[in-house]
Amino acid sequence: MQRWNGWGDERIEKPLPKQAETLLEQLVGPGTPPVNVSLEKMLGNVPEANLPEPSGNISTAARDRFEHAHGQSMPDWVAMRFGTLKRFPDAVAYPTSESEVEDVFTFADKQKMIVIPYGGGTSVVGHLDVPETDAPVLSLSLERLNGLIEFDHHNRLATFGAGVKGPDLEAALRANGYTLGHYPQSYDYSTLGGWVVTRSSGQQSLYYGRIEEMFASGTALTPRGKIEFPPYPASAAGPDLRQILLGSEGRMGVLTRATVRIKRIPEKDDVYGVFFPTWEAAVHAVRELVAADLPLSMIRTSNPNETYTNLFLAGHETQIDLLKRYLRMRGLYDAVFCMTLIGFIGPSRQVAAGKQQARRIIRKYKGVTVGKSMGDAWKKNRFLAPYLRNTLWDKGYAVDTLETATTWNKVTPTMKAIESAIANALEEYGETVHVFTHLSHVYSSGSSIYTTYLFRIADTPEETMERWRKIKASASREIVRAGGTISHQHGVGTDHRQYLAAEKGELGIDMLKNIFSHIDPQQRMNPGKLIE
C-alpha cells in the first residue's frame, strides 16, 4: 500500500542512525517534528465534484481525487503534510483500453473539462498540479493500460501499455531474456509513458541510453485525433515527430502505448567502489574513463560533502574510520575523498579488458578501488534512498533535489555556484542549508549535476514554502547564468517553467505554443505545464 502523504510503500521504513541525526543538528540545527494532518481531515478538504455524476470507469470518490491531485514535489509535500492542498480534479478516469481513452476524451469534450494525464504520480516539478480554473478537471489515469502488448524478438522491440511501471516492465522482458535497462530513482512507481513525456534518464544510461534512445514508436490520442509513430530504425523523412512527443508533458494528449528498443540481459553487470583524493582528481578520471569507450553502464561521483553525508546517513561511522585508515595505508593522507561508483557491463571478456584499462586510469589519478561490495550495496538499496525523505520530514527536516547538465569545462564552476547559492539562500532567516552534489549521468562532452539540499521545516506551511522558493529560485538563477539546462531528467512542469525561455529562446517558445495550440485548440490538455 502506497503512503498517502509521502514516498513509497508504507511498510518500508528507512531509519536515521543516531549519529546521523546528531550530525544534522550540527549542520543545520535541531529539527522540530511537524504535526502532520490526518487523512480523514485531508479528505474533508475535497469539495463536491464540479460535473454531473459520470458513469463507467470514471470516479468522483474523494480518495481517488485526492490521490491524483499531487505528485512528489516540495510544494506537494508541504500541502499533503500540512493539509493545505486546495485544488483537486473533479473526477478520475481509469480506462482499460485505447477505445476507452477515446470515450474519456469524448466525455471530457462534452463537459468542457481540463484533462491531466496521470502515470505513476512521481513528478517532482509540478506536472500534476490542478490549475486554478472554473472548468471541471479530469485526471486521466493510465494505471490499467499496463500490460505487455507485443514482444518482437526478431526486431528486438517490445510494446507496452503506457501505464506499465518499471518493475512490471522489467519482469515481462526478463522472462524472455531481455531488459530495457531504464532505472530512474522513481523506478518502482513511475511509468513508461511518464518516462517518455518527461525525457527521463535512468541510472545506467551510459550503456542503455536515455529514454529518447529507447523509444521507438507509439500511439498518442490527442484532442485532434490519433497519432501513430512508426518504429523505423532511422528516417530522413523530415523532422522526427517523436521528438515533439518526447518531453511534451501531457500538452499534446495521452500516450497510450509505447514500443521500446530492448537488449539482451548482459552477461556481466557489476558496480565497483572507488575513492579519489580530491574532487579535481575524480572529475579528470571520470572524463578520461568516458572518453576511453570502455564497457561502462554508469559512473556516479559524489563530491566530499555528499560522500561523508551519505556514509553518515547510512550509519557507516565505523566504516568511515576504517576507510580513512585504509586509504592512509594506500598513501592518501590529506585526502578529502570523493566516492565514485563505476559500473561495468557486457560480455565477460570485454568487461575484464575494460576493468584492466580502467584501473590504469584510476591509478593515474591516485584513486583507490575498494571492490564490489560497495557497488552491491548500492544496487540493493538504490531505490530506497527516497524513503529517507519520510524519516527526515518527521524529524523536522525537508529534503529536495535539483539537477542540470553542462559541458566538462563548466561542470565544477557550475556545481560550486549552485551549492553556494543554496547554502546562502536562507541567511536572512538565520537558517543554514546543507547541500551536496554528485555527477550521475556522464557523456563524452559533459555531465549532469545532481544536487541535494536539506533545510529545517518552519512552523507554518507558508514559511516552509517561502524557504523552499528562496532556495529553488537562487539555484535556478545560477543554473541559467552558468549556461546549464534547467532540467536534465526531471522535466519542466510548473517549477522550471519560467526558466525555459533562457534555453529555448523566444522563437522556440512560440514554436511550442503553436504546436500545442494546433493539436489542442481549446488548450485543455494539462494547461500551465512546460509553458504558459
Protein backbone atom coordinates (compact mmCIF):
# COMPACT_ATOMS: atom_id res chain seq x y z
CA MET A 1 0.00 0.00 0.00
CA GLN A 2 1.48 3.36 -1.03
CA ARG A 3 1.80 6.13 1.54
CA TRP A 4 -0.89 8.71 1.07
CA ASN A 5 1.32 11.60 2.25
CA GLY A 6 4.88 10.60 1.38
CA TRP A 7 7.06 8.33 -0.68
CA GLY A 8 6.62 4.66 -1.40
CA ASP A 9 5.31 1.57 0.35
CA GLU A 10 4.03 2.37 3.83
CA ARG A 11 5.54 -0.90 5.10
CA ILE A 12 9.08 0.26 4.29
CA GLU A 13 10.89 2.45 6.78
CA LYS A 14 14.40 3.83 6.47
CA PRO A 15 15.51 4.76 9.98
CA LEU A 16 18.03 7.51 10.64
CA PRO A 17 21.07 6.41 12.67
CA LYS A 18 21.56 8.38 15.88
CA GLN A 19 24.97 9.66 14.81
CA ALA A 20 23.43 10.93 11.57
CA GLU A 21 20.74 12.82 13.50
CA THR A 22 23.46 14.38 15.65
CA LEU A 23 25.36 15.40 12.53
CA LEU A 24 22.26 17.07 11.06
CA GLU A 25 21.72 19.04 14.27
CA GLN A 26 25.29 20.28 14.00
CA LEU A 27 24.94 21.16 10.31
CA VAL A 28 21.54 22.93 10.19
CA GLY A 29 20.24 22.94 13.76
CA PRO A 30 17.78 20.72 15.65
CA GLY A 31 14.63 19.88 13.77
CA THR A 32 11.15 20.36 15.20
CA PRO A 33 8.86 17.47 14.17
CA PRO A 34 5.85 18.98 12.38
CA VAL A 35 2.27 17.99 13.09
CA ASN A 36 1.01 16.10 10.05
CA VAL A 37 -2.65 16.40 9.12
CA SER A 38 -4.71 13.19 9.16
CA LEU A 39 -6.01 11.51 6.01
CA GLU A 40 -9.56 11.99 7.29
CA LYS A 41 -9.06 15.73 7.58
CA MET A 42 -7.38 15.92 4.18
CA LEU A 43 -10.25 14.11 2.51
CA GLY A 44 -12.60 16.53 4.24
CA ASN A 45 -10.99 19.29 2.15
CA VAL A 46 -12.07 17.66 -1.11
CA PRO A 47 -15.11 19.59 -2.40
CA GLU A 48 -18.05 18.25 -4.33
CA ALA A 49 -17.26 17.37 -7.94
CA ASN A 50 -17.97 20.12 -10.47
CA LEU A 51 -19.76 17.89 -13.01
CA PRO A 52 -22.74 15.56 -13.36
CA GLU A 53 -22.36 12.04 -11.94
CA PRO A 54 -20.24 10.17 -14.51
CA SER A 55 -20.50 6.52 -15.41
CA GLY A 56 -18.18 3.71 -16.41
CA ASN A 57 -14.54 3.85 -15.37
CA ILE A 58 -14.76 7.40 -14.03
CA SER A 59 -14.70 8.03 -10.28
CA THR A 60 -15.63 11.10 -8.22
CA ALA A 61 -14.64 9.48 -4.89
CA ALA A 62 -12.77 11.85 -2.58
CA ARG A 63 -9.83 9.44 -2.04
CA ASP A 64 -9.32 8.95 -5.79
CA ARG A 65 -9.46 12.67 -6.44
CA PHE A 66 -7.02 13.46 -3.64
CA GLU A 67 -4.51 10.81 -4.75
CA HIS A 68 -4.50 12.27 -8.28
CA ALA A 69 -4.18 15.90 -7.16
CA HIS A 70 -0.45 15.89 -6.47
CA GLY A 71 2.95 14.44 -7.25
CA GLN A 72 6.10 14.34 -5.11
CA SER A 73 7.42 17.91 -5.42
CA MET A 74 8.22 20.01 -2.36
CA PRO A 75 5.01 22.07 -2.76
CA ASP A 76 3.12 18.76 -2.94
CA TRP A 77 4.75 17.52 0.27
CA VAL A 78 4.06 20.72 2.16
CA ALA A 79 0.43 20.67 1.03
CA MET A 80 -0.03 16.98 1.93
CA ARG A 81 1.68 17.14 5.31
CA PHE A 82 0.22 20.45 6.49
CA GLY A 83 -3.17 19.78 4.89
CA THR A 84 -3.16 22.87 2.66
CA LEU A 85 -3.86 21.17 -0.67
CA LYS A 86 -6.72 23.19 -2.16
CA ARG A 87 -7.24 22.08 -5.76
CA PHE A 88 -8.43 18.63 -6.77
CA PRO A 89 -9.59 17.05 -10.02
CA ASP A 90 -13.35 16.70 -10.22
CA ALA A 91 -13.07 13.13 -11.45
CA VAL A 92 -10.53 10.39 -12.18
CA ALA A 93 -10.84 8.20 -15.27
CA TYR A 94 -9.43 4.65 -15.33
CA PRO A 95 -9.65 3.48 -18.96
CA THR A 96 -8.60 -0.09 -19.73
CA SER A 97 -8.11 0.26 -23.49
CA GLU A 98 -7.41 2.85 -26.18
CA SER A 99 -11.07 2.85 -27.17
CA GLU A 100 -11.98 3.70 -23.58
CA VAL A 101 -9.44 6.54 -23.64
CA GLU A 102 -11.25 7.84 -26.71
CA ASP A 103 -14.54 7.58 -24.76
CA VAL A 104 -12.95 9.59 -21.94
CA PHE A 105 -11.89 12.26 -24.42
CA THR A 106 -15.44 12.40 -25.76
CA PHE A 107 -16.80 12.75 -22.22
CA ALA A 108 -14.24 15.44 -21.35
CA ASP A 109 -15.01 17.37 -24.54
CA LYS A 110 -18.74 17.24 -23.85
CA GLN A 111 -18.20 18.55 -20.30
CA LYS A 112 -15.52 21.06 -21.46
CA MET A 113 -13.06 19.55 -18.99
CA ILE A 114 -9.36 20.13 -18.43
CA VAL A 115 -7.51 16.79 -18.79
CA ILE A 116 -4.37 15.93 -16.82
CA PRO A 117 -2.67 12.64 -17.81
CA TYR A 118 -1.54 10.66 -14.75
CA GLY A 119 1.11 7.92 -14.77
CA GLY A 120 2.77 6.93 -11.51
CA GLY A 121 2.38 10.23 -9.66
CA THR A 122 6.15 10.63 -9.11
CA SER A 123 6.66 14.07 -10.67
CA VAL A 124 8.91 16.34 -8.59
CA VAL A 125 8.36 19.54 -10.61
CA GLY A 126 4.59 20.08 -10.60
CA HIS A 127 3.41 18.13 -13.65
CA LEU A 128 0.21 17.12 -11.85
CA ASP A 129 -0.80 20.47 -10.36
CA VAL A 130 -4.50 21.14 -10.79
CA PRO A 131 -4.82 24.61 -12.35
CA GLU A 132 -6.92 27.43 -10.92
CA THR A 133 -9.92 27.31 -13.23
CA ASP A 134 -13.70 27.39 -13.25
CA ALA A 135 -13.71 24.50 -15.71
CA PRO A 136 -14.06 20.95 -14.34
CA VAL A 137 -10.81 18.96 -14.24
CA LEU A 138 -10.36 15.28 -15.12
CA SER A 139 -7.33 13.22 -14.13
CA LEU A 140 -6.79 10.51 -16.75
CA SER A 141 -5.02 7.61 -15.05
CA LEU A 142 -3.08 5.17 -17.23
CA GLU A 143 -2.67 2.58 -14.47
CA ARG A 144 -4.91 -0.02 -16.19
CA LEU A 145 -3.10 0.27 -19.53
CA ASN A 146 -0.17 -1.62 -18.11
CA GLY A 147 0.38 -4.87 -19.98
CA LEU A 148 2.87 -6.28 -22.47
CA ILE A 149 1.09 -5.94 -25.82
CA GLU A 150 3.69 -7.45 -28.14
CA PHE A 151 7.14 -8.96 -27.73
CA ASP A 152 9.09 -8.86 -31.01
CA HIS A 153 12.21 -10.98 -30.52
CA HIS A 154 13.18 -10.75 -34.21
CA ASN A 155 13.35 -6.95 -34.24
CA ARG A 156 14.23 -6.55 -30.57
CA LEU A 157 11.17 -4.44 -29.86
CA ALA A 158 8.56 -4.66 -27.12
CA THR A 159 5.24 -2.81 -26.93
CA PHE A 160 3.58 -1.98 -23.61
CA GLY A 161 0.62 -0.04 -22.37
CA ALA A 162 1.95 3.36 -21.31
CA GLY A 163 0.86 2.85 -17.69
CA VAL A 164 3.23 -0.06 -17.04
CA LYS A 165 5.52 0.56 -14.06
CA GLY A 166 9.23 -0.13 -14.02
CA PRO A 167 9.27 -3.46 -12.11
CA ASP A 168 6.42 -4.93 -14.18
CA LEU A 169 8.03 -3.88 -17.45
CA GLU A 170 11.37 -5.42 -16.48
CA ALA A 171 9.73 -8.63 -15.21
CA ALA A 172 7.99 -9.13 -18.56
CA LEU A 173 11.20 -8.55 -20.52
CA ARG A 174 13.47 -10.60 -18.28
CA ALA A 175 11.12 -13.57 -18.59
CA ASN A 176 12.15 -13.50 -22.28
CA GLY A 177 15.86 -12.92 -21.62
CA TYR A 178 15.77 -9.18 -22.34
CA THR A 179 15.85 -5.87 -20.50
CA LEU A 180 15.11 -2.22 -21.17
CA GLY A 181 17.67 -1.11 -18.60
CA HIS A 182 15.88 2.10 -17.65
CA TYR A 183 16.25 2.68 -13.91
CA PRO A 184 15.33 6.17 -12.73
CA GLN A 185 15.26 6.80 -8.98
CA SER A 186 11.46 6.55 -9.18
CA TYR A 187 11.67 3.15 -10.95
CA ASP A 188 9.33 1.33 -8.54
CA TYR A 189 6.39 3.66 -9.22
CA SER A 190 6.99 5.69 -12.39
CA THR A 191 5.64 4.53 -15.74
CA LEU A 192 6.86 4.04 -19.28
CA GLY A 193 4.55 6.78 -20.57
CA GLY A 194 5.79 9.17 -17.90
CA TRP A 195 9.40 8.43 -18.82
CA VAL A 196 8.72 9.27 -22.47
CA VAL A 197 6.81 12.52 -21.99
CA THR A 198 9.36 13.88 -19.47
CA ARG A 199 12.52 12.70 -21.30
CA SER A 200 13.60 10.56 -18.36
CA SER A 201 17.10 9.22 -17.77
CA GLY A 202 17.95 6.00 -15.92
CA GLN A 203 20.87 5.34 -13.60
CA GLN A 204 22.68 3.14 -16.16
CA SER A 205 22.13 5.43 -19.13
CA LEU A 206 25.81 5.38 -20.08
CA TYR A 207 25.19 1.90 -21.55
CA TYR A 208 21.44 1.71 -22.17
CA GLY A 209 20.89 5.32 -23.21
CA ARG A 210 18.20 7.79 -22.23
CA ILE A 211 14.51 7.13 -22.87
CA GLU A 212 14.58 9.07 -26.17
CA GLU A 213 17.05 6.49 -27.50
CA MET A 214 14.89 3.60 -26.26
CA PHE A 215 11.55 4.95 -27.51
CA ALA A 216 10.96 3.50 -30.99
CA SER A 217 7.29 4.24 -31.60
CA GLY A 218 3.91 4.61 -30.01
CA THR A 219 0.32 5.75 -30.17
CA ALA A 220 -0.89 9.08 -28.81
CA LEU A 221 -4.52 10.18 -28.56
CA THR A 222 -4.94 13.94 -28.88
CA PRO A 223 -7.92 16.32 -28.98
CA ARG A 224 -7.47 16.38 -32.78
CA GLY A 225 -7.28 12.61 -33.19
CA LYS A 226 -4.81 9.73 -33.07
CA ILE A 227 -1.10 9.97 -33.95
CA GLU A 228 0.83 6.81 -34.81
CA PHE A 229 4.63 6.90 -34.65
CA PRO A 230 6.12 4.07 -36.79
CA PRO A 231 9.10 2.09 -35.38
CA TYR A 232 11.58 2.92 -38.12
CA PRO A 233 15.20 2.18 -37.15
CA ALA A 234 16.01 5.53 -38.80
CA SER A 235 14.40 8.01 -41.17
CA ALA A 236 15.33 11.11 -43.14
CA ALA A 237 11.69 11.93 -43.94
CA GLY A 238 11.59 15.38 -42.41
CA PRO A 239 11.65 16.27 -38.70
CA ASP A 240 11.15 13.35 -36.33
CA LEU A 241 7.69 13.83 -34.80
CA ARG A 242 8.59 11.51 -31.93
CA GLN A 243 10.86 14.28 -30.68
CA ILE A 244 7.86 16.58 -30.28
CA LEU A 245 6.05 13.99 -28.18
CA LEU A 246 9.16 13.33 -26.08
CA GLY A 247 9.18 15.89 -23.29
CA SER A 248 5.71 17.24 -24.15
CA GLU A 249 4.50 16.65 -20.56
CA GLY A 250 0.87 15.92 -21.46
CA ARG A 251 0.37 19.07 -23.52
CA MET A 252 -0.23 17.14 -26.77
CA GLY A 253 -2.52 14.42 -25.49
CA VAL A 254 -2.14 10.98 -23.92
CA LEU A 255 0.45 8.39 -24.89
CA THR A 256 -1.47 5.10 -24.67
CA ARG A 257 1.17 2.62 -25.82
CA ALA A 258 4.90 2.70 -26.45
CA THR A 259 7.28 0.44 -28.34
CA VAL A 260 10.82 0.35 -26.95
CA ARG A 261 14.15 -0.99 -28.15
CA ILE A 262 15.33 -3.78 -25.87
CA LYS A 263 18.64 -5.53 -25.21
CA ARG A 264 19.71 -8.98 -24.12
CA ILE A 265 20.39 -9.30 -20.40
CA PRO A 266 24.14 -8.68 -20.16
CA GLU A 267 26.49 -11.41 -19.08
CA LYS A 268 28.16 -9.11 -16.58
CA ASP A 269 26.63 -6.14 -14.74
CA ASP A 270 28.83 -5.22 -11.77
CA VAL A 271 29.42 -1.97 -9.89
CA TYR A 272 32.68 -1.18 -8.07
CA GLY A 273 33.56 1.45 -5.49
CA VAL A 274 36.49 3.84 -5.92
CA PHE A 275 37.72 6.72 -3.76
CA PHE A 276 39.62 9.66 -5.22
CA PRO A 277 41.67 12.04 -3.06
CA THR A 278 40.18 15.26 -4.44
CA TRP A 279 37.22 16.46 -6.49
CA GLU A 280 39.52 17.61 -9.27
CA ALA A 281 41.17 14.18 -9.50
CA ALA A 282 37.76 12.49 -9.60
CA VAL A 283 36.47 14.72 -12.41
CA HIS A 284 39.61 14.25 -14.50
CA ALA A 285 39.41 10.48 -14.03
CA VAL A 286 35.71 10.32 -14.90
CA ARG A 287 36.19 12.37 -18.05
CA GLU A 288 39.04 10.13 -19.17
CA LEU A 289 37.10 6.95 -18.37
CA VAL A 290 34.19 8.10 -20.53
CA ALA A 291 36.49 9.08 -23.40
CA ALA A 292 38.12 5.62 -23.35
CA ASP A 293 34.95 3.92 -24.70
CA LEU A 294 35.00 1.22 -22.03
CA PRO A 295 32.08 -1.19 -21.40
CA LEU A 296 30.58 1.04 -18.71
CA SER A 297 26.97 1.24 -17.54
CA MET A 298 27.38 4.20 -15.18
CA ILE A 299 29.79 6.46 -13.33
CA ARG A 300 28.45 8.21 -10.24
CA THR A 301 30.85 10.57 -8.46
CA SER A 302 29.99 12.24 -5.15
CA ASN A 303 31.74 15.39 -4.01
CA PRO A 304 33.29 15.35 -0.49
CA ASN A 305 30.14 16.71 1.18
CA GLU A 306 27.95 14.03 -0.37
CA THR A 307 30.48 11.29 0.31
CA TYR A 308 30.50 11.93 4.04
CA THR A 309 26.81 12.77 4.28
CA ASN A 310 25.76 9.53 2.58
CA LEU A 311 28.08 7.42 4.69
CA PHE A 312 26.79 9.01 7.90
CA LEU A 313 23.14 8.78 6.86
CA ALA A 314 23.69 5.09 6.18
CA GLY A 315 25.13 4.64 9.68
CA HIS A 316 28.62 3.81 8.47
CA GLU A 317 30.58 5.84 11.05
CA THR A 318 32.80 2.87 11.91
CA GLN A 319 33.32 2.12 8.25
CA ILE A 320 34.35 5.76 7.68
CA ASP A 321 37.15 5.39 10.26
CA LEU A 322 38.23 2.09 8.71
CA LEU A 323 38.14 3.66 5.27
CA LYS A 324 40.32 6.56 6.38
CA ARG A 325 42.89 4.14 7.82
CA TYR A 326 42.86 2.00 4.69
CA LEU A 327 43.30 4.98 2.38
CA ARG A 328 46.15 6.33 4.53
CA MET A 329 47.81 2.92 4.16
CA ARG A 330 47.49 3.45 0.39
CA GLY A 331 49.23 6.80 0.68
CA LEU A 332 46.22 9.18 0.75
CA TYR A 333 46.95 11.15 3.94
CA ASP A 334 45.39 14.54 3.32
CA ALA A 335 42.58 13.46 1.03
CA VAL A 336 39.04 14.83 1.35
CA PHE A 337 37.70 11.77 -0.53
CA CYS A 338 35.20 11.55 -3.34
CA MET A 339 33.30 8.30 -3.59
CA THR A 340 32.76 7.03 -7.13
CA LEU A 341 30.68 4.07 -8.30
CA ILE A 342 31.70 2.61 -11.64
CA GLY A 343 29.51 0.07 -13.42
CA PHE A 344 30.97 -2.43 -15.90
CA ILE A 345 28.59 -4.22 -18.24
CA GLY A 346 28.65 -6.61 -21.19
CA PRO A 347 30.35 -9.88 -22.18
CA SER A 348 32.79 -11.23 -19.58
CA ARG A 349 35.89 -10.88 -21.78
CA GLN A 350 35.08 -7.29 -22.72
CA VAL A 351 34.39 -6.40 -19.07
CA ALA A 352 37.66 -7.97 -17.92
CA ALA A 353 39.62 -5.98 -20.51
CA GLY A 354 37.70 -2.83 -19.68
CA LYS A 355 38.39 -3.15 -15.96
CA GLN A 356 42.09 -3.54 -16.66
CA GLN A 357 42.15 -0.34 -18.70
CA ALA A 358 40.01 1.48 -16.12
CA ARG A 359 42.43 0.54 -13.32
CA ARG A 360 45.25 2.29 -15.16
CA ILE A 361 43.21 5.47 -15.41
CA ILE A 362 42.10 5.24 -11.76
CA ARG A 363 45.69 4.77 -10.56
CA LYS A 364 46.81 7.71 -12.72
CA TYR A 365 44.61 9.99 -10.60
CA LYS A 366 45.53 8.28 -7.28
CA GLY A 367 42.15 6.57 -6.99
CA VAL A 368 41.81 3.59 -4.66
CA THR A 369 39.46 0.76 -5.62
CA VAL A 370 37.60 -0.78 -2.67
CA GLY A 371 35.95 -3.65 -4.50
CA LYS A 372 32.48 -4.76 -5.50
CA SER A 373 30.84 -4.87 -2.06
CA MET A 374 30.13 -1.13 -2.11
CA GLY A 375 28.58 -1.46 -5.56
CA ASP A 376 26.50 -4.45 -4.46
CA ALA A 377 25.17 -2.47 -1.50
CA TRP A 378 24.28 0.44 -3.79
CA LYS A 379 22.43 -1.85 -6.22
CA LYS A 380 20.49 -3.44 -3.37
CA ASN A 381 19.39 -0.11 -1.87
CA ARG A 382 19.38 2.25 -4.85
CA PHE A 383 15.59 2.68 -4.95
CA LEU A 384 15.28 3.04 -1.16
CA ALA A 385 17.02 6.41 -0.81
CA PRO A 386 13.77 8.43 -1.26
CA TYR A 387 12.36 6.73 1.86
CA LEU A 388 14.76 8.83 3.93
CA ARG A 389 12.62 11.80 2.89
CA ASN A 390 9.77 10.40 5.03
CA THR A 391 12.06 9.86 8.01
CA LEU A 392 13.72 13.25 7.81
CA TRP A 393 10.41 15.12 7.46
CA ASP A 394 9.11 13.51 10.64
CA LYS A 395 12.24 14.76 12.41
CA GLY A 396 11.73 18.32 11.15
CA TYR A 397 13.88 18.40 8.00
CA ALA A 398 12.83 18.93 4.39
CA VAL A 399 14.90 17.40 1.58
CA ASP A 400 14.75 18.28 -2.09
CA THR A 401 16.87 17.89 -5.21
CA LEU A 402 17.57 19.74 -8.43
CA GLU A 403 19.69 18.93 -11.43
CA THR A 404 21.24 20.31 -14.58
CA ALA A 405 23.78 19.31 -17.22
CA THR A 406 26.62 21.19 -18.84
CA THR A 407 29.91 20.69 -20.68
CA TRP A 408 33.01 19.45 -18.86
CA ASN A 409 34.70 22.85 -18.76
CA LYS A 410 31.70 24.24 -16.84
CA VAL A 411 30.93 21.31 -14.53
CA THR A 412 32.96 22.32 -11.49
CA PRO A 413 32.26 26.09 -11.55
CA THR A 414 28.56 25.41 -12.12
CA MET A 415 28.42 22.94 -9.23
CA LYS A 416 30.17 25.42 -6.92
CA ALA A 417 27.87 28.26 -7.97
CA ILE A 418 24.75 26.16 -7.36
CA GLU A 419 25.95 24.96 -3.96
CA SER A 420 26.96 28.46 -2.90
CA ALA A 421 23.58 29.89 -3.94
CA ILE A 422 21.72 27.22 -2.00
CA ALA A 423 23.93 27.40 1.09
CA ASN A 424 23.39 31.17 1.37
CA ALA A 425 19.74 31.31 0.30
CA LEU A 426 18.28 31.43 3.83
CA GLU A 427 20.75 33.78 5.51
CA GLU A 428 18.03 36.42 6.04
CA TYR A 429 16.08 33.86 8.10
CA GLY A 430 19.12 32.90 10.14
CA GLU A 431 18.82 29.37 8.73
CA THR A 432 21.52 27.07 7.37
CA VAL A 433 21.08 24.79 4.37
CA HIS A 434 23.14 21.63 3.98
CA VAL A 435 23.94 20.93 0.33
CA PHE A 436 25.85 18.24 -1.54
CA THR A 437 26.23 17.05 -5.13
CA HIS A 438 27.12 14.16 -7.42
CA LEU A 439 27.65 13.61 -11.12
CA SER A 440 25.30 10.80 -12.10
CA HIS A 441 25.00 10.79 -15.90
CA VAL A 442 28.21 11.36 -17.81
CA TYR A 443 28.76 11.96 -21.51
CA SER A 444 31.79 12.46 -23.71
CA SER A 445 31.09 16.21 -23.79
CA GLY A 446 29.91 16.81 -20.23
CA SER A 447 27.87 15.62 -17.29
CA SER A 448 24.70 16.05 -15.32
CA ILE A 449 25.00 17.74 -11.92
CA TYR A 450 22.59 16.40 -9.28
CA THR A 451 22.33 18.44 -6.09
CA THR A 452 20.52 17.56 -2.87
CA TYR A 453 19.77 20.07 -0.13
CA LEU A 454 18.32 19.83 3.35
CA PHE A 455 16.80 22.57 5.49
CA ARG A 456 14.65 22.87 8.58
CA ILE A 457 10.87 22.83 8.27
CA ALA A 458 9.30 26.03 9.61
CA ASP A 459 6.33 26.26 11.98
CA THR A 460 3.89 27.11 9.18
CA PRO A 461 3.39 25.83 5.64
CA GLU A 462 3.68 29.40 4.31
CA GLU A 463 7.13 29.94 5.83
CA THR A 464 8.31 26.48 4.79
CA MET A 465 7.26 27.21 1.21
CA GLU A 466 8.93 30.61 1.32
CA ARG A 467 12.20 28.98 2.37
CA TRP A 468 11.95 26.44 -0.44
CA ARG A 469 11.13 29.11 -3.04
CA LYS A 470 14.18 31.15 -2.00
CA ILE A 471 16.43 28.12 -2.38
CA LYS A 472 14.91 26.97 -5.65
CA ALA A 473 15.00 30.42 -7.25
CA SER A 474 18.58 31.09 -6.15
CA ALA A 475 19.80 27.80 -7.57
CA SER A 476 17.79 28.09 -10.79
CA ARG A 477 19.17 31.56 -11.50
CA GLU A 478 22.70 30.22 -11.09
CA ILE A 479 21.98 27.34 -13.47
CA VAL A 480 20.72 29.77 -16.13
CA ARG A 481 23.61 32.16 -15.51
CA ALA A 482 26.11 29.32 -15.89
CA GLY A 483 24.55 28.18 -19.17
CA GLY A 484 23.28 24.82 -17.90
CA THR A 485 19.99 23.21 -18.86
CA ILE A 486 17.18 23.90 -16.41
CA SER A 487 16.45 20.17 -16.32
CA HIS A 488 18.49 17.13 -17.28
CA GLN A 489 15.95 14.48 -16.24
CA HIS A 490 13.10 15.82 -14.08
CA GLY A 491 11.32 17.80 -16.77
CA VAL A 492 9.83 21.28 -16.60
CA GLY A 493 6.32 21.09 -15.13
CA THR A 494 5.49 24.32 -13.31
CA ASP A 495 8.62 24.62 -11.15
CA HIS A 496 11.02 25.20 -14.08
CA ARG A 497 8.63 26.90 -16.49
CA GLN A 498 9.85 30.46 -16.01
CA TYR A 499 13.42 29.46 -16.87
CA LEU A 500 12.66 27.54 -20.07
CA ALA A 501 12.85 30.59 -22.36
CA ALA A 502 16.51 31.06 -21.40
CA GLU A 503 17.18 27.69 -23.04
CA LYS A 504 14.70 27.66 -25.93
CA GLY A 505 14.67 31.34 -26.83
CA GLU A 506 11.63 33.45 -27.61
CA LEU A 507 11.16 31.92 -31.05
CA GLY A 508 11.46 28.41 -29.65
CA ILE A 509 8.77 29.08 -27.05
CA ASP A 510 6.50 30.47 -29.78
CA MET A 511 7.03 27.30 -31.81
CA LEU A 512 5.98 25.14 -28.87
CA LYS A 513 2.92 27.30 -28.24
CA ASN A 514 1.86 26.98 -31.88
CA ILE A 515 2.31 23.20 -31.86
CA PHE A 516 0.27 22.78 -28.69
CA SER A 517 -2.43 25.17 -29.91
CA HIS A 518 -2.71 23.25 -33.17
CA ILE A 519 -3.05 19.85 -31.54
CA ASP A 520 -5.21 21.15 -28.66
CA PRO A 521 -7.17 24.20 -29.90
CA GLN A 522 -9.17 24.56 -26.66
CA GLN A 523 -5.99 24.34 -24.52
CA ARG A 524 -7.46 21.68 -22.26
CA MET A 525 -4.50 19.25 -22.10
CA ASN A 526 -2.53 19.79 -18.89
CA PRO A 527 -2.52 23.59 -19.24
CA GLY A 528 0.14 25.61 -17.48
CA LYS A 529 2.79 22.89 -17.63
CA LEU A 530 6.01 23.37 -19.60
CA ILE A 531 4.89 26.76 -20.98
CA GLU A 532 2.17 29.25 -20.09
